[in-house]
């Protein structure tokens, strides 16, 4: 386990040094978040061990980042983000929906609770309480 953490730390330092040299700034609160501004657009890259998720307000910047990374490192693109760290991600033109439905189902299965009966809850289920967050 110690070797894994050291390798992850070394990889992070190598990658962050490269990104900073390419004009990215490291997040103040989350040092694994890298940001680069382009006129009216922003590009974000989030590092988690050996995974990188990234996005931008302009699709062309994602392609540019992909080319930059592949010119420096041997890497594979996994496509559009749909699942990451237990979060399901659905992307729409007007926003992003994030849920943990798969995680909950897996936990119920692991706890052998998939055959339990449903119970009513006392929470208000009006549409006002279920509004999603949109970027």
N, C-alpha and C. Protein backbone atom coordinates (compact mmCIF):
# COMPACT_ATOMS: atom_id res chain seq x y z
N UNK A 1 0.82 -1.20 0.00
CA UNK A 1 0.00 0.00 0.00
C UNK A 1 0.86 1.26 0.00
N UNK A 2 1.92 1.28 0.73
CA UNK A 2 2.79 2.46 0.77
C UNK A 2 3.38 2.73 -0.61
N UNK A 3 3.77 1.69 -1.32
CA UNK A 3 4.34 1.87 -2.64
C UNK A 3 3.34 2.48 -3.60
N UNK A 4 2.09 2.06 -3.49
CA UNK A 4 1.03 2.59 -4.33
C UNK A 4 0.86 4.09 -4.10
N UNK A 5 0.84 4.49 -2.83
CA UNK A 5 0.67 5.90 -2.51
C UNK A 5 1.87 6.71 -2.99
N UNK A 6 3.05 6.17 -2.86
CA UNK A 6 4.23 6.89 -3.33
C UNK A 6 4.21 7.02 -4.84
N UNK A 7 3.80 5.97 -5.54
CA UNK A 7 3.72 6.03 -7.00
C UNK A 7 2.67 7.04 -7.41
N UNK A 8 1.54 7.05 -6.73
CA UNK A 8 0.48 8.01 -7.04
C UNK A 8 0.96 9.43 -6.80
N UNK A 9 1.67 9.65 -5.71
CA UNK A 9 2.19 10.98 -5.40
C UNK A 9 3.22 11.42 -6.44
N UNK A 10 4.09 10.51 -6.85
CA UNK A 10 5.09 10.84 -7.87
C UNK A 10 4.41 11.17 -9.20
N UNK A 11 3.41 10.38 -9.57
CA UNK A 11 2.68 10.64 -10.82
C UNK A 11 1.98 12.00 -10.74
N UNK A 12 1.34 12.29 -9.62
CA UNK A 12 0.65 13.57 -9.46
C UNK A 12 1.64 14.73 -9.60
N UNK A 13 2.80 14.62 -8.97
CA UNK A 13 3.80 15.70 -9.06
C UNK A 13 4.29 15.88 -10.49
N UNK A 14 4.54 14.79 -11.20
CA UNK A 14 4.96 14.86 -12.60
C UNK A 14 3.89 15.53 -13.44
N UNK A 15 2.66 15.08 -13.28
CA UNK A 15 1.55 15.62 -14.07
C UNK A 15 1.28 17.08 -13.72
N UNK A 16 1.26 17.42 -12.45
CA UNK A 16 0.98 18.81 -12.07
C UNK A 16 2.09 19.76 -12.54
N UNK A 17 3.33 19.32 -12.49
CA UNK A 17 4.43 20.14 -13.01
C UNK A 17 4.23 20.40 -14.50
N UNK A 18 3.85 19.37 -15.24
CA UNK A 18 3.59 19.51 -16.67
C UNK A 18 2.44 20.47 -16.93
N UNK A 19 1.33 20.30 -16.22
CA UNK A 19 0.15 21.15 -16.44
C UNK A 19 0.45 22.62 -16.10
N UNK A 20 1.15 22.85 -15.02
CA UNK A 20 1.49 24.23 -14.64
C UNK A 20 2.41 24.86 -15.70
N UNK A 21 3.35 24.07 -16.22
CA UNK A 21 4.23 24.57 -17.29
C UNK A 21 3.43 24.91 -18.55
N UNK A 22 2.28 24.25 -18.73
CA UNK A 22 1.42 24.50 -19.90
C UNK A 22 0.42 25.63 -19.65
N UNK A 23 0.53 26.31 -18.51
CA UNK A 23 -0.31 27.48 -18.25
C UNK A 23 -1.53 27.23 -17.40
N UNK A 24 -1.67 26.03 -16.85
CA UNK A 24 -2.79 25.74 -15.96
C UNK A 24 -2.48 26.27 -14.57
N UNK A 25 -3.51 26.60 -13.82
CA UNK A 25 -3.33 26.97 -12.43
C UNK A 25 -3.98 25.90 -11.56
N UNK A 26 -3.34 25.62 -10.45
CA UNK A 26 -3.84 24.62 -9.50
C UNK A 26 -4.90 25.26 -8.62
N UNK A 27 -5.94 24.51 -8.29
CA UNK A 27 -6.99 25.03 -7.42
C UNK A 27 -6.47 25.41 -6.05
N UNK A 28 -7.03 26.45 -5.46
CA UNK A 28 -6.62 26.88 -4.12
C UNK A 28 -7.13 25.95 -3.04
N UNK A 29 -8.35 25.46 -3.20
CA UNK A 29 -8.95 24.59 -2.19
C UNK A 29 -8.69 23.13 -2.52
N UNK A 30 -8.87 22.76 -3.78
CA UNK A 30 -8.64 21.39 -4.23
C UNK A 30 -7.42 21.39 -5.15
N UNK A 31 -6.29 20.94 -4.65
CA UNK A 31 -5.05 21.00 -5.44
C UNK A 31 -5.00 19.99 -6.57
N UNK A 32 -6.02 19.14 -6.67
CA UNK A 32 -6.08 18.19 -7.79
C UNK A 32 -6.94 18.73 -8.93
N UNK A 33 -7.43 19.97 -8.79
CA UNK A 33 -8.20 20.63 -9.84
C UNK A 33 -7.30 21.62 -10.55
N UNK A 34 -7.26 21.54 -11.88
CA UNK A 34 -6.45 22.45 -12.68
C UNK A 34 -7.36 23.23 -13.62
N UNK A 35 -7.11 24.53 -13.73
CA UNK A 35 -7.97 25.42 -14.49
C UNK A 35 -7.13 26.22 -15.47
N UNK A 36 -7.70 26.45 -16.64
CA UNK A 36 -7.06 27.32 -17.62
C UNK A 36 -8.15 28.12 -18.32
N UNK A 37 -7.97 29.43 -18.36
CA UNK A 37 -8.95 30.31 -19.00
C UNK A 37 -8.49 30.67 -20.40
N UNK A 38 -9.46 30.72 -21.30
CA UNK A 38 -9.23 31.11 -22.69
C UNK A 38 -10.28 32.15 -23.04
N UNK A 39 -9.92 33.43 -23.03
CA UNK A 39 -10.86 34.51 -23.33
C UNK A 39 -12.16 34.32 -22.55
N UNK A 40 -13.25 33.97 -23.24
CA UNK A 40 -14.55 33.82 -22.58
C UNK A 40 -14.84 32.38 -22.16
N UNK A 41 -13.87 31.50 -22.26
CA UNK A 41 -14.10 30.09 -21.96
C UNK A 41 -13.17 29.62 -20.85
N UNK A 42 -13.58 28.53 -20.21
CA UNK A 42 -12.77 27.95 -19.13
C UNK A 42 -12.63 26.46 -19.38
N UNK A 43 -11.48 25.93 -18.99
CA UNK A 43 -11.20 24.50 -19.09
C UNK A 43 -10.85 24.01 -17.70
N UNK A 44 -11.42 22.85 -17.30
CA UNK A 44 -11.16 22.27 -15.99
C UNK A 44 -10.67 20.84 -16.15
N UNK A 45 -9.66 20.47 -15.39
CA UNK A 45 -9.17 19.09 -15.36
C UNK A 45 -9.06 18.66 -13.90
N UNK A 46 -9.70 17.54 -13.57
CA UNK A 46 -9.68 17.01 -12.20
C UNK A 46 -8.87 15.71 -12.20
N UNK A 47 -7.88 15.62 -11.33
CA UNK A 47 -7.00 14.46 -11.25
C UNK A 47 -7.42 13.62 -10.05
N UNK A 48 -7.58 12.32 -10.28
CA UNK A 48 -7.83 11.39 -9.18
C UNK A 48 -6.95 10.16 -9.41
N UNK A 49 -5.88 10.07 -8.67
CA UNK A 49 -4.85 9.03 -8.78
C UNK A 49 -4.37 8.98 -10.23
N UNK A 50 -4.81 7.98 -11.01
CA UNK A 50 -4.35 7.92 -12.40
C UNK A 50 -5.49 8.18 -13.38
N UNK A 51 -6.57 8.77 -12.90
CA UNK A 51 -7.69 9.15 -13.75
C UNK A 51 -7.75 10.67 -13.88
N UNK A 52 -8.13 11.12 -15.05
CA UNK A 52 -8.31 12.55 -15.28
C UNK A 52 -9.68 12.74 -15.91
N UNK A 53 -10.49 13.57 -15.31
CA UNK A 53 -11.74 13.95 -15.96
C UNK A 53 -11.60 15.43 -16.31
N UNK A 54 -12.11 15.80 -17.47
CA UNK A 54 -11.96 17.18 -17.88
C UNK A 54 -13.15 17.64 -18.69
N UNK A 55 -13.32 18.94 -18.72
CA UNK A 55 -14.42 19.52 -19.47
C UNK A 55 -14.18 21.00 -19.69
N UNK A 56 -14.97 21.55 -20.57
CA UNK A 56 -14.81 22.95 -20.91
C UNK A 56 -16.12 23.53 -21.39
N UNK A 57 -16.16 24.84 -21.41
CA UNK A 57 -17.31 25.53 -21.99
C UNK A 57 -17.22 25.56 -23.50
N UNK A 58 -16.12 25.07 -24.06
CA UNK A 58 -15.93 25.00 -25.52
C UNK A 58 -15.33 23.64 -25.86
N UNK A 59 -16.03 22.86 -26.69
CA UNK A 59 -15.60 21.49 -27.03
C UNK A 59 -14.21 21.45 -27.63
N UNK A 60 -13.84 22.45 -28.39
CA UNK A 60 -12.53 22.48 -29.04
C UNK A 60 -11.39 22.44 -28.01
N UNK A 61 -11.61 23.01 -26.85
CA UNK A 61 -10.58 23.01 -25.80
C UNK A 61 -10.36 21.61 -25.24
N UNK A 62 -11.40 20.79 -25.21
CA UNK A 62 -11.26 19.40 -24.78
C UNK A 62 -10.39 18.63 -25.76
N UNK A 63 -10.61 18.83 -27.05
CA UNK A 63 -9.80 18.17 -28.08
C UNK A 63 -8.34 18.63 -27.98
N UNK A 64 -8.15 19.90 -27.74
CA UNK A 64 -6.80 20.45 -27.59
C UNK A 64 -6.08 19.81 -26.40
N UNK A 65 -6.79 19.66 -25.28
CA UNK A 65 -6.21 19.04 -24.09
C UNK A 65 -5.89 17.56 -24.35
N UNK A 66 -6.79 16.88 -25.01
CA UNK A 66 -6.58 15.47 -25.36
C UNK A 66 -5.29 15.31 -26.18
N UNK A 67 -5.11 16.17 -27.18
CA UNK A 67 -3.90 16.12 -28.01
C UNK A 67 -2.65 16.43 -27.20
N UNK A 68 -2.75 17.43 -26.34
CA UNK A 68 -1.62 17.81 -25.48
C UNK A 68 -1.20 16.65 -24.60
N UNK A 69 -2.14 16.00 -23.96
CA UNK A 69 -1.83 14.90 -23.05
C UNK A 69 -1.27 13.69 -23.81
N UNK A 70 -1.85 13.38 -24.96
CA UNK A 70 -1.37 12.23 -25.73
C UNK A 70 -0.01 12.48 -26.35
N UNK A 71 0.36 13.75 -26.53
CA UNK A 71 1.70 14.04 -27.05
C UNK A 71 2.76 13.85 -25.97
N UNK A 72 2.36 13.93 -24.72
CA UNK A 72 3.30 13.83 -23.60
C UNK A 72 3.27 12.47 -22.90
N UNK A 73 2.09 11.85 -22.84
CA UNK A 73 1.91 10.61 -22.08
C UNK A 73 1.18 9.57 -22.90
N UNK A 74 1.46 8.31 -22.61
CA UNK A 74 0.70 7.23 -23.21
C UNK A 74 -0.58 7.10 -22.39
N UNK A 75 -1.70 7.36 -23.04
CA UNK A 75 -2.97 7.34 -22.33
C UNK A 75 -4.08 6.93 -23.27
N UNK A 76 -5.18 6.50 -22.68
CA UNK A 76 -6.34 6.14 -23.49
C UNK A 76 -7.52 7.00 -23.07
N UNK A 77 -8.33 7.35 -24.04
CA UNK A 77 -9.53 8.13 -23.78
C UNK A 77 -10.69 7.16 -23.54
N UNK A 78 -11.42 7.38 -22.49
CA UNK A 78 -12.53 6.51 -22.13
C UNK A 78 -13.86 7.04 -22.66
N UNK A 79 -13.86 8.19 -23.29
CA UNK A 79 -15.09 8.76 -23.83
C UNK A 79 -15.76 9.68 -22.84
N UNK A 80 -16.99 10.03 -23.16
CA UNK A 80 -17.76 10.95 -22.34
C UNK A 80 -17.99 10.36 -20.95
N UNK A 81 -17.85 11.17 -19.93
CA UNK A 81 -17.99 10.73 -18.54
C UNK A 81 -19.42 10.28 -18.27
N UNK A 82 -19.56 9.03 -17.79
CA UNK A 82 -20.87 8.51 -17.40
C UNK A 82 -20.85 7.98 -15.96
N UNK A 83 -19.68 7.62 -15.45
CA UNK A 83 -19.58 7.07 -14.10
C UNK A 83 -18.21 7.40 -13.54
N UNK A 84 -18.15 7.93 -12.32
CA UNK A 84 -16.87 8.29 -11.72
C UNK A 84 -17.02 8.33 -10.22
N UNK A 85 -16.18 7.56 -9.52
CA UNK A 85 -16.14 7.54 -8.05
C UNK A 85 -17.52 7.34 -7.42
N UNK A 86 -18.27 6.42 -7.97
CA UNK A 86 -19.58 6.11 -7.42
C UNK A 86 -20.69 7.04 -7.87
N UNK A 87 -20.37 8.00 -8.72
CA UNK A 87 -21.37 8.94 -9.21
C UNK A 87 -21.75 8.62 -10.64
N UNK A 88 -23.04 8.55 -10.92
CA UNK A 88 -23.51 8.41 -12.29
C UNK A 88 -23.69 9.81 -12.84
N UNK A 89 -23.23 10.02 -14.07
CA UNK A 89 -23.27 11.34 -14.68
C UNK A 89 -24.03 11.26 -16.00
N UNK A 90 -25.07 12.07 -16.12
CA UNK A 90 -25.81 12.17 -17.38
C UNK A 90 -25.70 13.60 -17.85
N UNK A 91 -25.20 13.75 -19.08
CA UNK A 91 -24.99 15.09 -19.62
C UNK A 91 -26.07 15.42 -20.63
N UNK A 92 -26.62 16.61 -20.46
CA UNK A 92 -27.64 17.12 -21.36
C UNK A 92 -27.18 18.47 -21.88
N UNK A 93 -27.83 18.95 -22.92
CA UNK A 93 -27.44 20.23 -23.50
C UNK A 93 -27.57 21.38 -22.50
N UNK A 94 -28.58 21.31 -21.63
CA UNK A 94 -28.81 22.41 -20.69
C UNK A 94 -28.24 22.17 -19.30
N UNK A 95 -27.58 21.05 -19.08
CA UNK A 95 -27.02 20.81 -17.76
C UNK A 95 -26.55 19.38 -17.56
N UNK A 96 -26.11 19.11 -16.36
CA UNK A 96 -25.57 17.80 -15.99
C UNK A 96 -26.36 17.28 -14.80
N UNK A 97 -26.75 16.00 -14.86
CA UNK A 97 -27.46 15.36 -13.75
C UNK A 97 -26.52 14.34 -13.13
N UNK A 98 -26.31 14.43 -11.82
CA UNK A 98 -25.43 13.52 -11.10
C UNK A 98 -26.25 12.79 -10.05
N UNK A 99 -26.10 11.46 -10.00
CA UNK A 99 -26.85 10.67 -9.02
C UNK A 99 -25.98 9.53 -8.49
N UNK A 100 -26.48 8.87 -7.46
CA UNK A 100 -25.79 7.73 -6.89
C UNK A 100 -26.69 6.50 -6.88
N UNK A 101 -27.58 6.40 -7.85
CA UNK A 101 -28.51 5.27 -7.92
C UNK A 101 -27.81 3.93 -7.96
N UNK A 102 -26.78 3.79 -8.78
CA UNK A 102 -26.05 2.52 -8.88
C UNK A 102 -25.38 2.19 -7.55
N UNK A 103 -24.80 3.18 -6.91
CA UNK A 103 -24.15 2.98 -5.62
C UNK A 103 -25.16 2.48 -4.59
N UNK A 104 -26.34 3.10 -4.55
CA UNK A 104 -27.38 2.70 -3.60
C UNK A 104 -27.83 1.26 -3.88
N UNK A 105 -28.07 0.94 -5.17
CA UNK A 105 -28.47 -0.44 -5.51
C UNK A 105 -27.40 -1.44 -5.10
N UNK A 106 -26.13 -1.11 -5.34
CA UNK A 106 -25.03 -2.00 -4.96
C UNK A 106 -24.97 -2.20 -3.45
N UNK A 107 -25.19 -1.13 -2.69
CA UNK A 107 -25.17 -1.22 -1.23
C UNK A 107 -26.34 -2.07 -0.73
N UNK A 108 -27.51 -1.91 -1.33
CA UNK A 108 -28.67 -2.72 -0.94
C UNK A 108 -28.41 -4.19 -1.24
N UNK A 109 -27.81 -4.45 -2.39
CA UNK A 109 -27.49 -5.84 -2.76
C UNK A 109 -26.46 -6.42 -1.80
N UNK A 110 -25.43 -5.66 -1.50
CA UNK A 110 -24.37 -6.12 -0.59
C UNK A 110 -24.93 -6.40 0.81
N UNK A 111 -25.90 -5.63 1.22
CA UNK A 111 -26.51 -5.80 2.54
C UNK A 111 -27.70 -6.76 2.52
N UNK A 112 -27.94 -7.37 1.39
CA UNK A 112 -29.06 -8.30 1.21
C UNK A 112 -30.39 -7.65 1.55
N UNK A 113 -30.58 -6.43 1.06
CA UNK A 113 -31.81 -5.69 1.33
C UNK A 113 -32.62 -5.42 0.07
N UNK A 114 -32.32 -6.12 -1.02
CA UNK A 114 -33.01 -5.86 -2.28
C UNK A 114 -34.45 -6.36 -2.30
N UNK A 115 -34.80 -7.25 -1.39
CA UNK A 115 -36.16 -7.79 -1.38
C UNK A 115 -37.03 -7.16 -0.29
N UNK A 116 -36.54 -6.14 0.37
CA UNK A 116 -37.31 -5.47 1.42
C UNK A 116 -38.47 -4.69 0.82
N UNK A 117 -39.50 -4.52 1.60
CA UNK A 117 -40.67 -3.75 1.16
C UNK A 117 -40.36 -2.27 1.24
N UNK A 118 -40.99 -1.52 0.35
CA UNK A 118 -40.84 -0.07 0.38
C UNK A 118 -41.65 0.50 1.53
N UNK A 119 -41.22 1.64 2.02
CA UNK A 119 -41.95 2.35 3.07
C UNK A 119 -42.13 3.78 2.63
N UNK A 120 -43.24 4.36 2.99
CA UNK A 120 -43.45 5.77 2.69
C UNK A 120 -42.54 6.60 3.59
N UNK A 121 -42.07 7.72 3.03
CA UNK A 121 -41.28 8.62 3.88
C UNK A 121 -42.09 9.88 4.14
N UNK A 122 -41.64 10.64 5.07
CA UNK A 122 -42.37 11.85 5.46
C UNK A 122 -41.84 13.09 4.75
N UNK A 123 -40.90 12.92 3.86
CA UNK A 123 -40.35 14.07 3.15
C UNK A 123 -41.35 14.58 2.12
N UNK A 124 -41.36 15.86 1.92
CA UNK A 124 -42.21 16.46 0.90
C UNK A 124 -41.64 16.08 -0.46
N UNK A 125 -42.48 15.62 -1.36
CA UNK A 125 -41.98 15.19 -2.67
C UNK A 125 -42.48 16.09 -3.79
N UNK A 126 -42.73 17.36 -3.48
CA UNK A 126 -43.17 18.28 -4.52
C UNK A 126 -42.03 18.60 -5.46
N UNK A 127 -42.36 19.10 -6.64
CA UNK A 127 -41.32 19.40 -7.63
C UNK A 127 -40.40 20.51 -7.16
N UNK A 128 -40.85 21.35 -6.23
CA UNK A 128 -40.01 22.44 -5.72
C UNK A 128 -38.81 21.90 -4.95
N UNK A 129 -38.92 20.74 -4.33
CA UNK A 129 -37.82 20.20 -3.53
C UNK A 129 -36.87 19.34 -4.36
N UNK A 130 -37.24 19.05 -5.62
CA UNK A 130 -36.41 18.18 -6.44
C UNK A 130 -35.75 18.89 -7.60
N UNK A 131 -35.62 20.17 -7.52
CA UNK A 131 -34.99 20.90 -8.61
C UNK A 131 -33.50 20.58 -8.63
N UNK A 132 -32.99 20.30 -9.81
CA UNK A 132 -31.57 19.95 -9.96
C UNK A 132 -30.70 21.19 -10.11
N UNK A 133 -29.46 20.98 -9.93
CA UNK A 133 -28.46 22.03 -10.11
C UNK A 133 -27.96 22.00 -11.54
N UNK A 134 -27.98 23.09 -12.21
CA UNK A 134 -27.50 23.13 -13.61
C UNK A 134 -26.35 24.10 -13.71
N UNK A 135 -25.36 23.72 -14.53
CA UNK A 135 -24.21 24.60 -14.78
C UNK A 135 -24.50 25.49 -15.96
